[in-house]
Amino acid sequence: MEKLQLHPKTLDEAIERWDAGRSLFSVEMGGLGPGYEQAIQILKKKRTKDGYWKLQNNHPGKLFFKIEGAGKPSRWNTLRALRILKWWEES
């Protein structure tokens, strides 16, 4: 399988606009493909020293209630990241 590398500028823009956890969750459901090792490494680097993943951005639309704040540890992102890493290690 050919491994593709993402251009750093493209990667930064994608991270700003898209939820990496959601993208990797889609990969988990659909299977492996080229370039996913790089995405997993990015996910691992985002883990904080206390073992959480932070919420990067608040949703730009209307929120009926706020669950977590941007820049703070996120239980939901942590749950998704741990599920993705578990899947990655088992595949």
PDB file of N, CA and C in Angstrom:
ATOM      1  N   MET A   1       0.841  -1.167   0.000  1.00  0.00           N
ATOM      2  CA  MET A   1       0.000   0.000   0.000  1.00  0.00           C
ATOM      3  C   MET A   1       0.897   1.244   0.000  1.00  0.00           C
ATOM      4  N   GLU A   2       0.626   2.178  -0.891  1.00  0.00           N
ATOM      5  CA  GLU A   2       1.393   3.414  -0.974  1.00  0.00           C
ATOM      6  C   GLU A   2       0.995   4.337   0.167  1.00  0.00           C
ATOM      7  N   LYS A   3       1.977   4.938   0.831  1.00  0.00           N
ATOM      8  CA  LYS A   3       1.701   5.859   1.929  1.00  0.00           C
ATOM      9  C   LYS A   3       1.793   7.281   1.409  1.00  0.00           C
ATOM     10  N   LEU A   4       0.756   8.052   1.633  1.00  0.00           N
ATOM     11  CA  LEU A   4       0.713   9.434   1.194  1.00  0.00           C
ATOM     12  C   LEU A   4       1.010  10.352   2.366  1.00  0.00           C
ATOM     13  N   GLN A   5       1.656  11.468   2.087  1.00  0.00           N
ATOM     14  CA  GLN A   5       1.933  12.466   3.105  1.00  0.00           C
ATOM     15  C   GLN A   5       1.110  13.709   2.791  1.00  0.00           C
ATOM     16  N   LEU A   6       0.585  14.321   3.821  1.00  0.00           N
ATOM     17  CA  LEU A   6      -0.179  15.544   3.650  1.00  0.00           C
ATOM     18  C   LEU A   6       0.759  16.743   3.723  1.00  0.00           C
ATOM     19  N   HIS A   7       0.522  17.733   2.889  1.00  0.00           N
ATOM     20  CA  HIS A   7       1.301  18.968   2.927  1.00  0.00           C
ATOM     21  C   HIS A   7       0.973  19.689   4.236  1.00  0.00           C
ATOM     22  N   PRO A   8       1.982  20.205   4.969  1.00  0.00           N
ATOM     23  CA  PRO A   8       1.719  20.837   6.270  1.00  0.00           C
ATOM     24  C   PRO A   8       0.676  21.946   6.229  1.00  0.00           C
ATOM     25  N   LYS A   9       0.682  22.792   5.189  1.00  0.00           N
ATOM     26  CA  LYS A   9      -0.308  23.870   5.107  1.00  0.00           C
ATOM     27  C   LYS A   9      -1.711  23.288   4.961  1.00  0.00           C
ATOM     28  N   THR A  10      -1.856  22.290   4.116  1.00  0.00           N
ATOM     29  CA  THR A  10      -3.149  21.636   3.933  1.00  0.00           C
ATOM     30  C   THR A  10      -3.603  21.007   5.235  1.00  0.00           C
ATOM     31  N   LEU A  11      -2.682  20.392   5.930  1.00  0.00           N
ATOM     32  CA  LEU A  11      -3.000  19.732   7.189  1.00  0.00           C
ATOM     33  C   LEU A  11      -3.475  20.742   8.227  1.00  0.00           C
ATOM     34  N   ASP A  12      -2.765  21.871   8.363  1.00  0.00           N
ATOM     35  CA  ASP A  12      -3.172  22.896   9.325  1.00  0.00           C
ATOM     36  C   ASP A  12      -4.562  23.430   9.012  1.00  0.00           C
ATOM     37  N   GLU A  13      -4.833  23.703   7.744  1.00  0.00           N
ATOM     38  CA  GLU A  13      -6.145  24.207   7.354  1.00  0.00           C
ATOM     39  C   GLU A  13      -7.232  23.183   7.630  1.00  0.00           C
ATOM     40  N   ALA A  14      -6.938  21.934   7.362  1.00  0.00           N
ATOM     41  CA  ALA A  14      -7.931  20.881   7.591  1.00  0.00           C
ATOM     42  C   ALA A  14      -8.236  20.739   9.072  1.00  0.00           C
ATOM     43  N   ILE A  15      -7.221  20.821   9.906  1.00  0.00           N
ATOM     44  CA  ILE A  15      -7.434  20.686  11.347  1.00  0.00           C
ATOM     45  C   ILE A  15      -8.271  21.845  11.864  1.00  0.00           C
ATOM     46  N   GLU A  16      -8.037  23.046  11.340  1.00  0.00           N
ATOM     47  CA  GLU A  16      -8.810  24.203  11.775  1.00  0.00           C
ATOM     48  C   GLU A  16     -10.279  24.085  11.386  1.00  0.00           C
ATOM     49  N   ARG A  17     -10.558  23.489  10.243  1.00  0.00           N
ATOM     50  CA  ARG A  17     -11.927  23.465   9.735  1.00  0.00           C
ATOM     51  C   ARG A  17     -12.679  22.182  10.016  1.00  0.00           C
ATOM     52  N   TRP A  18     -12.010  21.115  10.323  1.00  0.00           N
ATOM     53  CA  TRP A  18     -12.689  19.829  10.446  1.00  0.00           C
ATOM     54  C   TRP A  18     -12.286  19.146  11.727  1.00  0.00           C
ATOM     55  N   ASP A  19     -13.159  18.383  12.239  1.00  0.00           N
ATOM     56  CA  ASP A  19     -12.932  17.642  13.474  1.00  0.00           C
ATOM     57  C   ASP A  19     -12.144  16.373  13.150  1.00  0.00           C
ATOM     58  N   ALA A  20     -10.872  16.341  13.538  1.00  0.00           N
ATOM     59  CA  ALA A  20     -10.021  15.183  13.227  1.00  0.00           C
ATOM     60  C   ALA A  20     -10.563  13.910  13.850  1.00  0.00           C
ATOM     61  N   GLY A  21     -11.113  14.023  15.036  1.00  0.00           N
ATOM     62  CA  GLY A  21     -11.683  12.838  15.685  1.00  0.00           C
ATOM     63  C   GLY A  21     -12.826  12.251  14.895  1.00  0.00           C
ATOM     64  N   ARG A  22     -13.680  13.092  14.384  1.00  0.00           N
ATOM     65  CA  ARG A  22     -14.803  12.609  13.578  1.00  0.00           C
ATOM     66  C   ARG A  22     -14.300  11.964  12.297  1.00  0.00           C
ATOM     67  N   SER A  23     -13.273  12.553  11.709  1.00  0.00           N
ATOM     68  CA  SER A  23     -12.707  11.975  10.491  1.00  0.00           C
ATOM     69  C   SER A  23     -12.130  10.598  10.754  1.00  0.00           C
ATOM     70  N   LEU A  24     -11.371  10.477  11.843  1.00  0.00           N
ATOM     71  CA  LEU A  24     -10.777   9.184  12.159  1.00  0.00           C
ATOM     72  C   LEU A  24     -11.830   8.169  12.562  1.00  0.00           C
ATOM     73  N   PHE A  25     -12.909   8.625  13.194  1.00  0.00           N
ATOM     74  CA  PHE A  25     -14.008   7.720  13.523  1.00  0.00           C
ATOM     75  C   PHE A  25     -14.602   7.156  12.232  1.00  0.00           C
ATOM     76  N   SER A  26     -14.716   7.992  11.207  1.00  0.00           N
ATOM     77  CA  SER A  26     -15.217   7.524   9.915  1.00  0.00           C
ATOM     78  C   SER A  26     -14.284   6.479   9.327  1.00  0.00           C
ATOM     79  N   VAL A  27     -12.989   6.681   9.496  1.00  0.00           N
ATOM     80  CA  VAL A  27     -12.007   5.701   9.033  1.00  0.00           C
ATOM     81  C   VAL A  27     -12.198   4.395   9.790  1.00  0.00           C
ATOM     82  N   GLU A  28     -12.411   4.511  11.096  1.00  0.00           N
ATOM     83  CA  GLU A  28     -12.616   3.322  11.921  1.00  0.00           C
ATOM     84  C   GLU A  28     -13.779   2.501  11.379  1.00  0.00           C
ATOM     85  N   MET A  29     -14.831   3.164  10.971  1.00  0.00           N
ATOM     86  CA  MET A  29     -16.004   2.465  10.466  1.00  0.00           C
ATOM     87  C   MET A  29     -15.801   1.955   9.040  1.00  0.00           C
ATOM     88  N   GLY A  30     -14.949   2.638   8.257  1.00  0.00           N
ATOM     89  CA  GLY A  30     -14.804   2.287   6.849  1.00  0.00           C
ATOM     90  C   GLY A  30     -13.564   1.498   6.492  1.00  0.00           C
ATOM     91  N   GLY A  31     -12.592   1.444   7.360  1.00  0.00           N
ATOM     92  CA  GLY A  31     -11.377   0.690   7.069  1.00  0.00           C
ATOM     93  C   GLY A  31     -10.178   1.578   6.801  1.00  0.00           C
ATOM     94  N   LEU A  32      -9.025   0.951   6.696  1.00  0.00           N
ATOM     95  CA  LEU A  32      -7.763   1.668   6.517  1.00  0.00           C
ATOM     96  C   LEU A  32      -7.565   2.129   5.088  1.00  0.00           C
ATOM     97  N   GLY A  33      -6.785   3.159   4.935  1.00  0.00           N
ATOM     98  CA  GLY A  33      -6.427   3.665   3.626  1.00  0.00           C
ATOM     99  C   GLY A  33      -5.107   4.397   3.737  1.00  0.00           C
ATOM    100  N   PRO A  34      -4.582   4.878   2.624  1.00  0.00           N
ATOM    101  CA  PRO A  34      -3.286   5.551   2.629  1.00  0.00           C
ATOM    102  C   PRO A  34      -3.294   6.831   3.471  1.00  0.00           C
ATOM    103  N   GLY A  35      -2.201   7.074   4.161  1.00  0.00           N
ATOM    104  CA  GLY A  35      -2.047   8.331   4.887  1.00  0.00           C
ATOM    105  C   GLY A  35      -2.606   8.346   6.294  1.00  0.00           C
ATOM    106  N   TYR A  36      -3.233   7.268   6.744  1.00  0.00           N
ATOM    107  CA  TYR A  36      -3.867   7.294   8.062  1.00  0.00           C
ATOM    108  C   TYR A  36      -2.875   7.195   9.205  1.00  0.00           C
ATOM    109  N   GLU A  37      -1.695   6.647   8.953  1.00  0.00           N
ATOM    110  CA  GLU A  37      -0.681   6.596  10.010  1.00  0.00           C
ATOM    111  C   GLU A  37      -0.312   8.010  10.451  1.00  0.00           C
ATOM    112  N   GLN A  38      -0.238   8.915   9.505  1.00  0.00           N
ATOM    113  CA  GLN A  38       0.077  10.307   9.820  1.00  0.00           C
ATOM    114  C   GLN A  38      -1.033  10.920  10.673  1.00  0.00           C
ATOM    115  N   ALA A  39      -2.275  10.626  10.355  1.00  0.00           N
ATOM    116  CA  ALA A  39      -3.404  11.144  11.134  1.00  0.00           C
ATOM    117  C   ALA A  39      -3.372  10.597  12.555  1.00  0.00           C
ATOM    118  N   ILE A  40      -3.021   9.335  12.718  1.00  0.00           N
ATOM    119  CA  ILE A  40      -2.934   8.731  14.049  1.00  0.00           C
ATOM    120  C   ILE A  40      -1.818   9.402  14.852  1.00  0.00           C
ATOM    121  N   GLN A  41      -0.698   9.697  14.217  1.00  0.00           N
ATOM    122  CA  GLN A  41       0.402  10.376  14.912  1.00  0.00           C
ATOM    123  C   GLN A  41      -0.024  11.768  15.377  1.00  0.00           C
ATOM    124  N   ILE A  42      -0.780  12.470  14.557  1.00  0.00           N
ATOM    125  CA  ILE A  42      -1.289  13.789  14.942  1.00  0.00           C
ATOM    126  C   ILE A  42      -2.222  13.644  16.137  1.00  0.00           C
ATOM    127  N   LEU A  43      -3.089  12.653  16.100  1.00  0.00           N
ATOM    128  CA  LEU A  43      -4.013  12.413  17.210  1.00  0.00           C
ATOM    129  C   LEU A  43      -3.239  12.155  18.503  1.00  0.00           C
ATOM    130  N   LYS A  44      -2.209  11.337  18.435  1.00  0.00           N
ATOM    131  CA  LYS A  44      -1.404  11.030  19.628  1.00  0.00           C
ATOM    132  C   LYS A  44      -0.707  12.274  20.175  1.00  0.00           C
ATOM    133  N   LYS A  45      -0.220  13.138  19.297  1.00  0.00           N
ATOM    134  CA  LYS A  45       0.472  14.358  19.734  1.00  0.00           C
ATOM    135  C   LYS A  45      -0.470  15.333  20.437  1.00  0.00           C
ATOM    136  N   LYS A  46      -1.740  15.266  20.117  1.00  0.00           N
ATOM    137  CA  LYS A  46      -2.712  16.192  20.705  1.00  0.00           C
ATOM    138  C   LYS A  46      -3.112  15.794  22.127  1.00  0.00           C
ATOM    139  N   ARG A  47      -2.723  14.609  22.565  1.00  0.00           N
ATOM    140  CA  ARG A  47      -3.063  14.153  23.919  1.00  0.00           C
ATOM    141  C   ARG A  47      -2.287  14.984  24.941  1.00  0.00           C
ATOM    142  N   THR A  48      -2.981  15.464  25.970  1.00  0.00           N
ATOM    143  CA  THR A  48      -2.334  16.265  27.006  1.00  0.00           C
ATOM    144  C   THR A  48      -1.613  15.360  28.001  1.00  0.00           C
ATOM    145  N   LYS A  49      -0.794  15.955  28.858  1.00  0.00           N
ATOM    146  CA  LYS A  49      -0.045  15.188  29.855  1.00  0.00           C
ATOM    147  C   LYS A  49      -0.961  14.435  30.813  1.00  0.00           C
ATOM    148  N   ASP A  50      -2.144  14.972  31.058  1.00  0.00           N
ATOM    149  CA  ASP A  50      -3.075  14.292  31.967  1.00  0.00           C
ATOM    150  C   ASP A  50      -3.959  13.275  31.247  1.00  0.00           C
ATOM    151  N   GLY A  51      -3.687  13.036  29.953  1.00  0.00           N
ATOM    152  CA  GLY A  51      -4.371  11.964  29.232  1.00  0.00           C
ATOM    153  C   GLY A  51      -5.648  12.356  28.513  1.00  0.00           C
ATOM    154  N   TYR A  52      -5.939  13.638  28.427  1.00  0.00           N
ATOM    155  CA  TYR A  52      -7.152  14.101  27.748  1.00  0.00           C
ATOM    156  C   TYR A  52      -6.813  14.722  26.400  1.00  0.00           C
ATOM    157  N   TRP A  53      -7.838  14.886  25.597  1.00  0.00           N
ATOM    158  CA  TRP A  53      -7.751  15.672  24.372  1.00  0.00           C
ATOM    159  C   TRP A  53      -8.627  16.890  24.587  1.00  0.00           C
ATOM    160  N   LYS A  54      -8.124  18.053  24.163  1.00  0.00           N
ATOM    161  CA  LYS A  54      -8.870  19.300  24.364  1.00  0.00           C
ATOM    162  C   LYS A  54      -9.883  19.519  23.250  1.00  0.00           C
ATOM    163  N   LEU A  55     -10.879  20.318  23.569  1.00  0.00           N
ATOM    164  CA  LEU A  55     -11.816  20.794  22.555  1.00  0.00           C
ATOM    165  C   LEU A  55     -11.120  21.951  21.843  1.00  0.00           C
ATOM    166  N   GLN A  56     -10.900  21.821  20.548  1.00  0.00           N
ATOM    167  CA  GLN A  56     -10.158  22.846  19.815  1.00  0.00           C
ATOM    168  C   GLN A  56     -10.993  24.089  19.553  1.00  0.00           C
ATOM    169  N   ASN A  57     -12.213  23.910  19.118  1.00  0.00           N
ATOM    170  CA  ASN A  57     -13.064  25.044  18.750  1.00  0.00           C
ATOM    171  C   ASN A  57     -14.486  24.792  19.211  1.00  0.00           C
ATOM    172  N   ASN A  58     -15.184  25.872  19.502  1.00  0.00           N
ATOM    173  CA  ASN A  58     -16.617  25.748  19.745  1.00  0.00           C
ATOM    174  C   ASN A  58     -17.337  25.698  18.404  1.00  0.00           C
ATOM    175  N   HIS A  59     -18.465  25.042  18.378  1.00  0.00           N
ATOM    176  CA  HIS A  59     -19.285  24.984  17.168  1.00  0.00           C
ATOM    177  C   HIS A  59     -19.723  26.399  16.816  1.00  0.00           C
ATOM    178  N   PRO A  60     -19.586  26.802  15.546  1.00  0.00           N
ATOM    179  CA  PRO A  60     -19.914  28.180  15.181  1.00  0.00           C
ATOM    180  C   PRO A  60     -21.411  28.491  15.174  1.00  0.00           C
ATOM    181  N   GLY A  61     -22.248  27.479  15.132  1.00  0.00           N
ATOM    182  CA  GLY A  61     -23.687  27.713  15.081  1.00  0.00           C
ATOM    183  C   GLY A  61     -24.297  27.910  16.457  1.00  0.00           C
ATOM    184  N   LYS A  62     -25.610  27.977  16.478  1.00  0.00           N
ATOM    185  CA  LYS A  62     -26.344  28.170  17.724  1.00  0.00           C
ATOM    186  C   LYS A  62     -26.230  26.917  18.597  1.00  0.00           C
ATOM    187  N   LEU A  63     -25.915  27.137  19.865  1.00  0.00           N
ATOM    188  CA  LEU A  63     -25.852  26.049  20.833  1.00  0.00           C
ATOM    189  C   LEU A  63     -26.984  26.224  21.837  1.00  0.00           C
ATOM    190  N   PHE A  64     -27.670  25.155  22.129  1.00  0.00           N
ATOM    191  CA  PHE A  64     -28.754  25.224  23.100  1.00  0.00           C
ATOM    192  C   PHE A  64     -28.226  25.094  24.522  1.00  0.00           C
ATOM    193  N   PHE A  65     -27.099  24.430  24.663  1.00  0.00           N
ATOM    194  CA  PHE A  65     -26.412  24.368  25.953  1.00  0.00           C
ATOM    195  C   PHE A  65     -24.942  24.073  25.689  1.00  0.00           C
ATOM    196  N   LYS A  66     -24.094  24.565  26.559  1.00  0.00           N
ATOM    197  CA  LYS A  66     -22.654  24.398  26.402  1.00  0.00           C
ATOM    198  C   LYS A  66     -22.200  23.232  27.281  1.00  0.00           C
ATOM    199  N   ILE A  67     -21.572  22.250  26.658  1.00  0.00           N
ATOM    200  CA  ILE A  67     -21.099  21.090  27.403  1.00  0.00           C
ATOM    201  C   ILE A  67     -19.650  21.295  27.835  1.00  0.00           C
ATOM    202  N   GLU A  68     -18.808  21.730  26.921  1.00  0.00           N
ATOM    203  CA  GLU A  68     -17.381  21.899  27.185  1.00  0.00           C
ATOM    204  C   GLU A  68     -16.897  23.170  26.501  1.00  0.00           C
ATOM    205  N   GLY A  69     -15.845  23.774  27.036  1.00  0.00           N
ATOM    206  CA  GLY A  69     -15.310  25.000  26.466  1.00  0.00           C
ATOM    207  C   GLY A  69     -14.082  24.757  25.605  1.00  0.00           C
ATOM    208  N   ALA A  70     -13.907  25.601  24.612  1.00  0.00           N
ATOM    209  CA  ALA A  70     -12.742  25.497  23.721  1.00  0.00           C
ATOM    210  C   ALA A  70     -11.455  25.653  24.523  1.00  0.00           C
ATOM    211  N   GLY A  71     -10.474  24.811  24.203  1.00  0.00           N
ATOM    212  CA  GLY A  71      -9.188  24.867  24.879  1.00  0.00           C
ATOM    213  C   GLY A  71      -9.133  24.109  26.192  1.00  0.00           C
ATOM    214  N   LYS A  72     -10.253  23.533  26.599  1.00  0.00           N
ATOM    215  CA  LYS A  72     -10.310  22.781  27.859  1.00  0.00           C
ATOM    216  C   LYS A  72     -10.414  21.290  27.567  1.00  0.00           C
ATOM    217  N   PRO A  73     -10.021  20.444  28.538  1.00  0.00           N
ATOM    218  CA  PRO A  73     -10.137  19.002  28.331  1.00  0.00           C
ATOM    219  C   PRO A  73     -11.568  18.607  27.962  1.00  0.00           C
ATOM    220  N   SER A  74     -11.673  17.739  26.980  1.00  0.00           N
ATOM    221  CA  SER A  74     -12.979  17.322  26.471  1.00  0.00           C
ATOM    222  C   SER A  74     -13.194  15.834  26.729  1.00  0.00           C
ATOM    223  N   ARG A  75     -14.231  15.529  27.469  1.00  0.00           N
ATOM    224  CA  ARG A  75     -14.557  14.119  27.716  1.00  0.00           C
ATOM    225  C   ARG A  75     -14.953  13.430  26.422  1.00  0.00           C
ATOM    226  N   TRP A  76     -15.702  14.130  25.558  1.00  0.00           N
ATOM    227  CA  TRP A  76     -16.166  13.526  24.311  1.00  0.00           C
ATOM    228  C   TRP A  76     -15.013  13.285  23.347  1.00  0.00           C
ATOM    229  N   ASN A  77     -14.130  14.274  23.186  1.00  0.00           N
ATOM    230  CA  ASN A  77     -12.974  14.084  22.303  1.00  0.00           C
ATOM    231  C   ASN A  77     -12.058  12.993  22.834  1.00  0.00           C
ATOM    232  N   THR A  78     -11.902  12.930  24.152  1.00  0.00           N
ATOM    233  CA  THR A  78     -11.065  11.898  24.756  1.00  0.00           C
ATOM    234  C   THR A  78     -11.657  10.518  24.511  1.00  0.00           C
ATOM    235  N   LEU A  79     -12.953  10.385  24.681  1.00  0.00           N
ATOM    236  CA  LEU A  79     -13.615   9.099  24.430  1.00  0.00           C
ATOM    237  C   LEU A  79     -13.402   8.663  22.983  1.00  0.00           C
ATOM    238  N   ARG A  80     -13.640   9.570  22.054  1.00  0.00           N
ATOM    239  CA  ARG A  80     -13.465   9.225  20.638  1.00  0.00           C
ATOM    240  C   ARG A  80     -12.014   8.891  20.315  1.00  0.00           C
ATOM    241  N   ALA A  81     -11.083   9.679  20.845  1.00  0.00           N
ATOM    242  CA  ALA A  81      -9.663   9.428  20.568  1.00  0.00           C
ATOM    243  C   ALA A  81      -9.229   8.068  21.106  1.00  0.00           C
ATOM    244  N   LEU A  82      -9.657   7.720  22.307  1.00  0.00           N
ATOM    245  CA  LEU A  82      -9.285   6.428  22.882  1.00  0.00           C
ATOM    246  C   LEU A  82      -9.878   5.272  22.085  1.00  0.00           C
ATOM    247  N   ARG A  83     -11.107   5.436  21.616  1.00  0.00           N
ATOM    248  CA  ARG A  83     -11.726   4.397  20.779  1.00  0.00           C
ATOM    249  C   ARG A  83     -10.953   4.220  19.480  1.00  0.00           C
ATOM    250  N   ILE A  84     -10.555   5.331  18.875  1.00  0.00           N
ATOM    251  CA  ILE A  84      -9.810   5.276  17.614  1.00  0.00           C
ATOM    252  C   ILE A  84      -8.458   4.607  17.825  1.00  0.00           C
ATOM    253  N   LEU A  85      -7.744   4.983  18.888  1.00  0.00           N
ATOM    254  CA  LEU A  85      -6.430   4.389  19.151  1.00  0.00           C
ATOM    255  C   LEU A  85      -6.545   2.903  19.473  1.00  0.00           C
ATOM    256  N   LYS A  86      -7.577   2.525  20.178  1.00  0.00           N
ATOM    257  CA  LYS A  86      -7.797   1.101  20.476  1.00  0.00           C
ATOM    258  C   LYS A  86      -8.013   0.333  19.174  1.00  0.00           C
ATOM    259  N   TRP A  87      -8.867   0.884  18.321  1.00  0.00           N
ATOM    260  CA  TRP A  87      -9.126   0.248  17.025  1.00  0.00           C
ATOM    261  C   TRP A  87      -7.839   0.146  16.215  1.00  0.00           C
ATOM    262  N   TRP A  88      -7.046   1.229  16.190  1.00  0.00           N
ATOM    263  CA  TRP A  88      -5.810   1.265  15.413  1.00  0.00           C
ATOM    264  C   TRP A  88      -4.841   0.189  15.884  1.00  0.00           C
ATOM    265  N   GLU A  89      -4.692   0.067  17.185  1.00  0.00           N
ATOM    266  CA  GLU A  89      -3.749  -0.906  17.740  1.00  0.00           C
ATOM    267  C   GLU A  89      -4.212  -2.343  17.518  1.00  0.00           C
ATOM    268  N   GLU A  90      -5.514  -2.554  17.429  1.00  0.00           N
ATOM    269  CA  GLU A  90      -6.045  -3.902  17.233  1.00  0.00           C
ATOM    270  C   GLU A  90      -6.104  -4.312  15.766  1.00  0.00           C
ATOM    271  N   SER A  91      -5.955  -3.348  14.844  1.00  0.00           N
ATOM    272  CA  SER A  91      -6.075  -3.684  13.418  1.00  0.00           C
ATOM    273  C   SER A  91      -4.742  -3.979  12.783  1.00  0.00           C
TER     274      SER A  91
END
